[in-house]
Each structure stands twice: as C-alpha cells, then as structure tokens.
Amino acid sequence: MSNDQPTSGQPPEDDPFSKKPPGSQPPPSSGSPYGSAPPPPPPHDPGPYGGGQYGGTDPLAGMPPLAEPGKRILARLIDFLIISIPLYLISLPWGGAVMSDSNNDDDVGDVFAQTYSGHQLLWSLIALVIYVGYDTYFTHKDGRTLGKRLLKLRVAMLNDGRVPDTGSAFMRAVVLWVPALLCCPCLWWLINIVLMFTDKPYKQGLQDKAAKTVVVVTN
C-alpha cells in the first residue's frame, strides 16, 4: 500500500541523501558548488568563491582554483611582518618583545622557562591578541588579510564559498595562532605547511579544517 512505512533501517524512497540509480533525474539543487548539476551561472558570474566558472563532477566543481601553498606561505609571512615589526618597535622602551639574556650553556628547559614566564609571556599574550584580532577582522570582512590581498587569495567557507562569519573567522585564527605563539611554534608551522602540500583535495591547514574553510584564488 502507498501508506506503508519503510522497514526499519531502510531510508524512504524520497530521501534526498540516498543514492539514485544511474540515469535518474536528481532533484533541483540549492546552488551548492558540490550539489548535483546546479544550473550554470550566467556568463561572467564570479560564483560563490569570487572566481570564474568551473564545472565537473569532482569535489572541486564550482570552485575557482585553490591557492598554491607557496603563495599562502608568502601571504602569511607578509601578515606576520606587518604585525611583528611594529609590535617589536613598540616593545623596545620596555626591553623588547624578544629577550636573549640566557647563557649559551643553558639547557632547553631553562630556555623554555625563560621564554614563557614573566616579561616574555606578557608580550606573547599581547601578540596573541593582536594576531588573532587581525586575522579575525580581515577574514570576516572579505576573506582577505593584507598579505592575501596582495597575492590575490581569499578565505572561503568550504560548503558554499561565502565569506566566513565571525565565529568561523575567530576559530580559524585561534587554531592558527594559539599553538604557534604559546606552545610549539616550529612544529605547528611545519605541520600546517606539510598539510598545505599534501592534504587532498582541498589543501587545508589545521585552521582550515577547524573552521571548515579553504583558500582560493580571487581576482
């Protein structure tokens, strides 16, 4: 009968997430770049990611090209210098944000203790607030920090290409900068650089995975 309910464990026939047999017509898409055959955008429409028209059935369909890892690293270096140089100059009257008064024979534990206590810890926390605020503001504003703007890159939400909201932008900044400034800077940067080159298919760093974002090329 038409009113029979599906047996336990069986999805209903009209379940939108069930796979359809080959040749069946998919339901109209809501426009997601990863949906099934959405209507093509009009000519010269930049699309949700700010790039050109892209098609195909792979996971990258509907997206402009992903940013090259080398350009992402250069953009991050530019952002780092934009903040770190003024911050260091401002800190000079108070002894500088980076102190190096330890003896050469100090072991790793002594150096670590000096780095993350007192004066140095204070400046690390100040730097953390500035870096997180900088990334959050510009990422939420239009997806582009100053470094990304110079290199024509943009952060976009993975699911629909829009500019990240405040929560996603803040999450991305926190995951990027808290370990980098307070815990394990060398290891954290190394992990993220390796992921940019090896992650498939979206070249996401840990901050991208946490915030569900990607970095793409824009005009």
C-alpha atoms as a PDB file:
ATOM      1  CA  MET A   1       0.000   0.000   0.000  1.00  0.00           C
ATOM      2  CA  SER A   2       1.086   3.583  -0.604  1.00  0.00           C
ATOM      3  CA  ASN A   3       0.848   4.360   3.106  1.00  0.00           C
ATOM      4  CA  ASP A   4       3.233   1.578   4.142  1.00  0.00           C
ATOM      5  CA  GLN A   5       6.232   2.820   6.085  1.00  0.00           C
ATOM      6  CA  PRO A   6       9.710   1.650   5.060  1.00  0.00           C
ATOM      7  CA  THR A   7      11.110  -1.239   7.033  1.00  0.00           C
ATOM      8  CA  SER A   8      13.444  -0.478   9.906  1.00  0.00           C
ATOM      9  CA  GLY A   9      16.869   0.654   8.700  1.00  0.00           C
ATOM     10  CA  GLN A  10      15.610   1.427   5.183  1.00  0.00           C
ATOM     11  CA  PRO A  11      15.549   5.105   4.087  1.00  0.00           C
ATOM     12  CA  PRO A  12      12.320   6.344   2.468  1.00  0.00           C
ATOM     13  CA  GLU A  13      12.245   6.329  -1.310  1.00  0.00           C
ATOM     14  CA  ASP A  14      12.262  10.132  -1.465  1.00  0.00           C
ATOM     15  CA  ASP A  15      15.165  10.507   0.955  1.00  0.00           C
ATOM     16  CA  PRO A  16      17.331  13.307  -0.591  1.00  0.00           C
ATOM     17  CA  PHE A  17      20.551  11.755   0.719  1.00  0.00           C
ATOM     18  CA  SER A  18      20.047   8.301  -0.754  1.00  0.00           C
ATOM     19  CA  LYS A  19      21.944   7.455  -3.910  1.00  0.00           C
ATOM     20  CA  LYS A  20      19.849   7.318  -7.040  1.00  0.00           C
ATOM     21  CA  PRO A  21      20.278   4.680  -9.747  1.00  0.00           C
ATOM     22  CA  PRO A  22      22.157   5.769 -12.887  1.00  0.00           C
ATOM     23  CA  GLY A  23      20.029   7.765 -15.293  1.00  0.00           C
ATOM     24  CA  SER A  24      17.573   9.015 -12.675  1.00  0.00           C
ATOM     25  CA  GLN A  25      16.966  12.760 -12.553  1.00  0.00           C
ATOM     26  CA  PRO A  26      18.351  14.417  -9.395  1.00  0.00           C
ATOM     27  CA  PRO A  27      16.167  16.879  -7.524  1.00  0.00           C
ATOM     28  CA  PRO A  28      16.824  20.588  -8.082  1.00  0.00           C
ATOM     29  CA  SER A  29      19.945  21.753  -6.293  1.00  0.00           C
ATOM     30  CA  SER A  30      20.035  24.629  -3.863  1.00  0.00           C
ATOM     31  CA  GLY A  31      23.084  26.036  -5.606  1.00  0.00           C
ATOM     32  CA  SER A  32      25.803  24.352  -3.528  1.00  0.00           C
ATOM     33  CA  PRO A  33      29.035  24.062  -5.520  1.00  0.00           C
ATOM     34  CA  TYR A  34      29.119  20.395  -4.575  1.00  0.00           C
ATOM     35  CA  GLY A  35      25.479  19.593  -5.422  1.00  0.00           C
ATOM     36  CA  SER A  36      24.330  17.570  -8.397  1.00  0.00           C
ATOM     37  CA  ALA A  37      24.355  19.589 -11.593  1.00  0.00           C
ATOM     38  CA  PRO A  38      23.185  23.002 -10.357  1.00  0.00           C
ATOM     39  CA  PRO A  39      22.019  25.435 -13.026  1.00  0.00           C
ATOM     40  CA  PRO A  40      25.069  27.036 -14.658  1.00  0.00           C
ATOM     41  CA  PRO A  41      25.747  30.618 -13.538  1.00  0.00           C
ATOM     42  CA  PRO A  42      25.269  33.392 -16.089  1.00  0.00           C
ATOM     43  CA  PRO A  43      28.314  34.435 -18.140  1.00  0.00           C
ATOM     44  CA  HIS A  44      30.966  36.299 -16.164  1.00  0.00           C
ATOM     45  CA  ASP A  45      29.257  35.466 -12.880  1.00  0.00           C
ATOM     46  CA  PRO A  46      32.119  35.265 -10.342  1.00  0.00           C
ATOM     47  CA  GLY A  47      30.353  32.468  -8.469  1.00  0.00           C
ATOM     48  CA  PRO A  48      30.257  31.998  -4.688  1.00  0.00           C
ATOM     49  CA  TYR A  49      34.036  31.855  -4.294  1.00  0.00           C
ATOM     50  CA  GLY A  50      34.883  35.012  -6.215  1.00  0.00           C
ATOM     51  CA  GLY A  51      36.445  33.193  -9.169  1.00  0.00           C
ATOM     52  CA  GLY A  52      35.347  32.251 -12.647  1.00  0.00           C
ATOM     53  CA  GLN A  53      33.148  29.432 -13.936  1.00  0.00           C
ATOM     54  CA  TYR A  54      34.282  25.928 -13.120  1.00  0.00           C
ATOM     55  CA  GLY A  55      32.475  22.680 -13.773  1.00  0.00           C
ATOM     56  CA  GLY A  56      32.941  18.960 -13.402  1.00  0.00           C
ATOM     57  CA  THR A  57      31.914  16.169 -11.110  1.00  0.00           C
ATOM     58  CA  ASP A  58      34.928  16.172  -8.802  1.00  0.00           C
ATOM     59  CA  PRO A  59      34.827  17.683  -5.268  1.00  0.00           C
ATOM     60  CA  LEU A  60      36.297  20.941  -6.579  1.00  0.00           C
ATOM     61  CA  ALA A  61      33.420  21.561  -9.010  1.00  0.00           C
ATOM     62  CA  GLY A  62      32.090  25.100  -8.809  1.00  0.00           C
ATOM     63  CA  MET A  63      35.213  26.445  -7.127  1.00  0.00           C
ATOM     64  CA  PRO A  64      37.950  28.680  -8.500  1.00  0.00           C
ATOM     65  CA  PRO A  65      41.462  27.251  -8.259  1.00  0.00           C
ATOM     66  CA  LEU A  66      42.779  26.509  -4.799  1.00  0.00           C
ATOM     67  CA  ALA A  67      45.619  28.767  -3.712  1.00  0.00           C
ATOM     68  CA  GLU A  68      49.127  27.477  -4.283  1.00  0.00           C
ATOM     69  CA  PRO A  69      50.890  26.598  -0.999  1.00  0.00           C
ATOM     70  CA  GLY A  70      53.846  28.820  -1.863  1.00  0.00           C
ATOM     71  CA  LYS A  71      51.604  31.873  -2.232  1.00  0.00           C
ATOM     72  CA  ARG A  72      49.813  31.051   1.005  1.00  0.00           C
ATOM     73  CA  ILE A  73      53.116  30.853   2.875  1.00  0.00           C
ATOM     74  CA  LEU A  74      54.270  34.163   1.362  1.00  0.00           C
ATOM     75  CA  ALA A  75      50.973  35.834   2.262  1.00  0.00           C
ATOM     76  CA  ARG A  76      51.282  34.584   5.842  1.00  0.00           C
ATOM     77  CA  LEU A  77      54.861  35.867   6.032  1.00  0.00           C
ATOM     78  CA  ILE A  78      53.693  39.310   4.873  1.00  0.00           C
ATOM     79  CA  ASP A  79      50.977  39.341   7.546  1.00  0.00           C
ATOM     80  CA  PHE A  80      53.499  38.240  10.159  1.00  0.00           C
ATOM     81  CA  LEU A  81      55.884  41.079   9.281  1.00  0.00           C
ATOM     82  CA  ILE A  82      53.071  43.652   9.168  1.00  0.00           C
ATOM     83  CA  ILE A  83      52.307  42.884  12.807  1.00  0.00           C
ATOM     84  CA  SER A  84      55.607  41.742  14.288  1.00  0.00           C
ATOM     85  CA  ILE A  85      57.790  44.673  13.176  1.00  0.00           C
ATOM     86  CA  PRO A  86      55.593  47.439  14.704  1.00  0.00           C
ATOM     87  CA  LEU A  87      54.980  45.271  17.782  1.00  0.00           C
ATOM     88  CA  TYR A  88      58.698  44.818  18.334  1.00  0.00           C
ATOM     89  CA  LEU A  89      59.399  48.534  17.889  1.00  0.00           C
ATOM     90  CA  ILE A  90      56.657  49.430  20.358  1.00  0.00           C
ATOM     91  CA  SER A  91      58.098  46.981  22.902  1.00  0.00           C
ATOM     92  CA  LEU A  92      61.627  48.425  22.820  1.00  0.00           C
ATOM     93  CA  PRO A  93      61.077  51.012  25.594  1.00  0.00           C
ATOM     94  CA  TRP A  94      60.092  48.105  27.870  1.00  0.00           C
ATOM     95  CA  GLY A  95      63.045  45.911  26.980  1.00  0.00           C
ATOM     96  CA  GLY A  96      61.824  44.442  23.695  1.00  0.00           C
ATOM     97  CA  ALA A  97      59.330  41.693  22.934  1.00  0.00           C
ATOM     98  CA  VAL A  98      62.170  39.202  22.444  1.00  0.00           C
ATOM     99  CA  MET A  99      64.803  38.881  25.157  1.00  0.00           C
ATOM    100  CA  SER A 100      68.031  36.957  24.777  1.00  0.00           C
ATOM    101  CA  ASP A 101      69.900  37.144  28.070  1.00  0.00           C
ATOM    102  CA  SER A 102      70.406  33.436  28.649  1.00  0.00           C
ATOM    103  CA  ASN A 103      73.861  31.864  28.725  1.00  0.00           C
ATOM    104  CA  ASN A 104      74.972  29.534  25.988  1.00  0.00           C
ATOM    105  CA  ASP A 105      75.181  26.621  28.426  1.00  0.00           C
ATOM    106  CA  ASP A 106      71.513  26.839  29.475  1.00  0.00           C
ATOM    107  CA  ASP A 107      69.619  23.679  28.691  1.00  0.00           C
ATOM    108  CA  VAL A 108      66.381  23.515  26.742  1.00  0.00           C
ATOM    109  CA  GLY A 109      64.255  23.508  29.893  1.00  0.00           C
ATOM    110  CA  ASP A 110      65.825  26.744  31.161  1.00  0.00           C
ATOM    111  CA  VAL A 111      65.343  28.476  27.821  1.00  0.00           C
ATOM    112  CA  PHE A 112      61.721  27.324  27.666  1.00  0.00           C
ATOM    113  CA  ALA A 113      61.057  28.542  31.210  1.00  0.00           C
ATOM    114  CA  GLN A 114      62.567  31.953  30.464  1.00  0.00           C
ATOM    115  CA  THR A 115      60.638  32.245  27.225  1.00  0.00           C
ATOM    116  CA  TYR A 116      57.211  31.525  28.734  1.00  0.00           C
ATOM    117  CA  SER A 117      57.401  33.347  32.032  1.00  0.00           C
ATOM    118  CA  GLY A 118      57.274  36.937  33.164  1.00  0.00           C
ATOM    119  CA  HIS A 119      58.215  39.569  30.620  1.00  0.00           C
ATOM    120  CA  GLN A 120      58.269  37.298  27.578  1.00  0.00           C
ATOM    121  CA  LEU A 121      54.940  35.667  28.404  1.00  0.00           C
ATOM    122  CA  LEU A 122      53.302  39.078  28.682  1.00  0.00           C
ATOM    123  CA  TRP A 123      54.444  40.078  25.215  1.00  0.00           C
ATOM    124  CA  SER A 124      53.439  36.692  23.835  1.00  0.00           C
ATOM    125  CA  LEU A 125      49.905  37.228  25.152  1.00  0.00           C
ATOM    126  CA  ILE A 126      49.795  40.752  23.729  1.00  0.00           C
ATOM    127  CA  ALA A 127      50.980  39.423  20.370  1.00  0.00           C
ATOM    128  CA  LEU A 128      48.382  36.642  20.521  1.00  0.00           C
ATOM    129  CA  VAL A 129      45.529  39.116  20.994  1.00  0.00           C
ATOM    130  CA  ILE A 130      46.788  41.275  18.107  1.00  0.00           C
ATOM    131  CA  TYR A 131      47.365  38.376  15.682  1.00  0.00           C
ATOM    132  CA  VAL A 132      44.007  36.742  16.454  1.00  0.00           C
ATOM    133  CA  GLY A 133      42.204  40.079  16.200  1.00  0.00           C
ATOM    134  CA  TYR A 134      43.939  40.917  12.910  1.00  0.00           C
ATOM    135  CA  ASP A 135      43.099  37.570  11.309  1.00  0.00           C
ATOM    136  CA  THR A 136      39.536  37.521  12.621  1.00  0.00           C
ATOM    137  CA  TYR A 137      38.735  41.042  11.442  1.00  0.00           C
ATOM    138  CA  PHE A 138      40.090  40.760   7.919  1.00  0.00           C
ATOM    139  CA  THR A 139      38.904  37.182   7.360  1.00  0.00           C
ATOM    140  CA  HIS A 140      35.360  38.128   8.391  1.00  0.00           C
ATOM    141  CA  LYS A 141      35.500  41.416   6.453  1.00  0.00           C
ATOM    142  CA  ASP A 142      36.117  39.958   2.993  1.00  0.00           C
ATOM    143  CA  GLY A 143      38.183  36.797   3.457  1.00  0.00           C
ATOM    144  CA  ARG A 144      41.459  38.589   2.776  1.00  0.00           C
ATOM    145  CA  THR A 145      44.193  39.698   5.135  1.00  0.00           C
ATOM    146  CA  LEU A 146      46.593  42.282   3.749  1.00  0.00           C
ATOM    147  CA  GLY A 147      49.006  39.551   2.677  1.00  0.00           C
ATOM    148  CA  LYS A 148      46.260  37.602   0.903  1.00  0.00           C
ATOM    149  CA  ARG A 149      45.004  40.773  -0.770  1.00  0.00           C
ATOM    150  CA  LEU A 150      48.452  41.447  -2.233  1.00  0.00           C
ATOM    151  CA  LEU A 151      48.676  37.907  -3.605  1.00  0.00           C
ATOM    152  CA  LYS A 152      45.027  37.748  -4.760  1.00  0.00           C
ATOM    153  CA  LEU A 153      43.919  34.998  -2.379  1.00  0.00           C
ATOM    154  CA  ARG A 154      40.774  34.659  -0.300  1.00  0.00           C
ATOM    155  CA  VAL A 155      39.469  32.521   2.554  1.00  0.00           C
ATOM    156  CA  ALA A 156      36.061  31.000   1.753  1.00  0.00           C
ATOM    157  CA  MET A 157      33.675  28.673   3.530  1.00  0.00           C
ATOM    158  CA  LEU A 158      34.048  25.183   2.102  1.00  0.00           C
ATOM    159  CA  ASN A 159      30.340  24.439   1.767  1.00  0.00           C
ATOM    160  CA  ASP A 160      29.190  27.492  -0.183  1.00  0.00           C
ATOM    161  CA  GLY A 161      32.089  29.865  -0.810  1.00  0.00           C
ATOM    162  CA  ARG A 162      30.807  32.738   1.276  1.00  0.00           C
ATOM    163  CA  VAL A 163      32.993  34.969   3.425  1.00  0.00           C
ATOM    164  CA  PRO A 164      33.472  33.329   6.847  1.00  0.00           C
ATOM    165  CA  ASP A 165      31.232  34.602   9.620  1.00  0.00           C
ATOM    166  CA  THR A 166      32.731  35.963  12.830  1.00  0.00           C
ATOM    167  CA  GLY A 167      32.665  32.603  14.615  1.00  0.00           C
ATOM    168  CA  SER A 168      34.412  30.753  11.789  1.00  0.00           C
ATOM    169  CA  ALA A 169      36.962  33.547  11.327  1.00  0.00           C
ATOM    170  CA  PHE A 170      37.709  33.565  15.064  1.00  0.00           C
ATOM    171  CA  MET A 171      38.017  29.769  15.214  1.00  0.00           C
ATOM    172  CA  ARG A 172      40.423  29.804  12.279  1.00  0.00           C
ATOM    173  CA  ALA A 173      42.590  32.488  13.895  1.00  0.00           C
ATOM    174  CA  VAL A 174      42.669  30.807  17.306  1.00  0.00           C
ATOM    175  CA  VAL A 175      43.654  27.398  15.931  1.00  0.00           C
ATOM    176  CA  LEU A 176      46.386  29.029  13.849  1.00  0.00           C
ATOM    177  CA  TRP A 177      47.928  31.400  16.385  1.00  0.00           C
ATOM    178  CA  VAL A 178      47.482  29.972  19.904  1.00  0.00           C
ATOM    179  CA  PRO A 179      49.784  26.960  19.357  1.00  0.00           C
ATOM    180  CA  ALA A 180      52.093  28.997  17.126  1.00  0.00           C
ATOM    181  CA  LEU A 181      52.707  31.660  19.790  1.00  0.00           C
ATOM    182  CA  LEU A 182      52.257  29.865  23.114  1.00  0.00           C
ATOM    183  CA  CYS A 183      53.067  26.210  22.619  1.00  0.00           C
ATOM    184  CA  CYS A 184      55.026  24.748  19.723  1.00  0.00           C
ATOM    185  CA  PRO A 185      55.725  27.347  17.019  1.00  0.00           C
ATOM    186  CA  CYS A 186      58.195  25.426  14.879  1.00  0.00           C
ATOM    187  CA  LEU A 187      56.233  22.169  14.951  1.00  0.00           C
ATOM    188  CA  TRP A 188      52.888  23.893  14.372  1.00  0.00           C
ATOM    189  CA  TRP A 189      54.095  25.802  11.305  1.00  0.00           C
ATOM    190  CA  LEU A 190      55.740  22.657   9.949  1.00  0.00           C
ATOM    191  CA  ILE A 191      52.526  20.634  10.289  1.00  0.00           C
ATOM    192  CA  ASN A 192      50.497  23.299   8.526  1.00  0.00           C
ATOM    193  CA  ILE A 193      52.992  23.709   5.693  1.00  0.00           C
ATOM    194  CA  VAL A 194      53.075  19.947   5.106  1.00  0.00           C
ATOM    195  CA  LEU A 195      49.256  19.824   5.083  1.00  0.00           C
ATOM    196  CA  MET A 196      49.065  22.621   2.504  1.00  0.00           C
ATOM    197  CA  PHE A 197      51.099  20.477   0.133  1.00  0.00           C
ATOM    198  CA  THR A 198      49.646  17.052   0.939  1.00  0.00           C
ATOM    199  CA  ASP A 199      46.012  17.480   2.027  1.00  0.00           C
ATOM    200  CA  LYS A 200      43.531  16.171  -0.556  1.00  0.00           C
ATOM    201  CA  PRO A 201      41.505  17.521  -2.173  1.00  0.00           C
ATOM    202  CA  TYR A 202      41.298  20.968  -0.543  1.00  0.00           C
ATOM    203  CA  LYS A 203      44.870  21.721   0.681  1.00  0.00           C
ATOM    204  CA  GLN A 204      43.544  22.613   4.127  1.00  0.00           C
ATOM    205  CA  GLY A 205      45.728  23.505   7.063  1.00  0.00           C
ATOM    206  CA  LEU A 206      44.624  22.631  10.579  1.00  0.00           C
ATOM    207  CA  GLN A 207      42.992  26.046  10.922  1.00  0.00           C
ATOM    208  CA  ASP A 208      41.001  25.413   7.724  1.00  0.00           C
ATOM    209  CA  LYS A 209      39.824  22.021   8.940  1.00  0.00           C
ATOM    210  CA  ALA A 210      38.705  23.507  12.264  1.00  0.00           C
ATOM    211  CA  ALA A 211      36.781  26.367  10.635  1.00  0.00           C
ATOM    212  CA  LYS A 212      35.684  24.387   7.514  1.00  0.00           C
ATOM    213  CA  THR A 213      37.327  26.865   5.151  1.00  0.00           C
ATOM    214  CA  VAL A 214      39.507  26.793   2.055  1.00  0.00           C
ATOM    215  CA  VAL A 215      41.853  29.339   0.491  1.00  0.00           C
ATOM    216  CA  VAL A 216      41.186  30.085  -3.153  1.00  0.00           C
ATOM    217  CA  VAL A 217      42.423  32.384  -5.904  1.00  0.00           C
ATOM    218  CA  THR A 218      40.430  35.543  -6.488  1.00  0.00           C
ATOM    219  CA  ASN A 219      40.571  38.437  -8.928  1.00  0.00           C
END
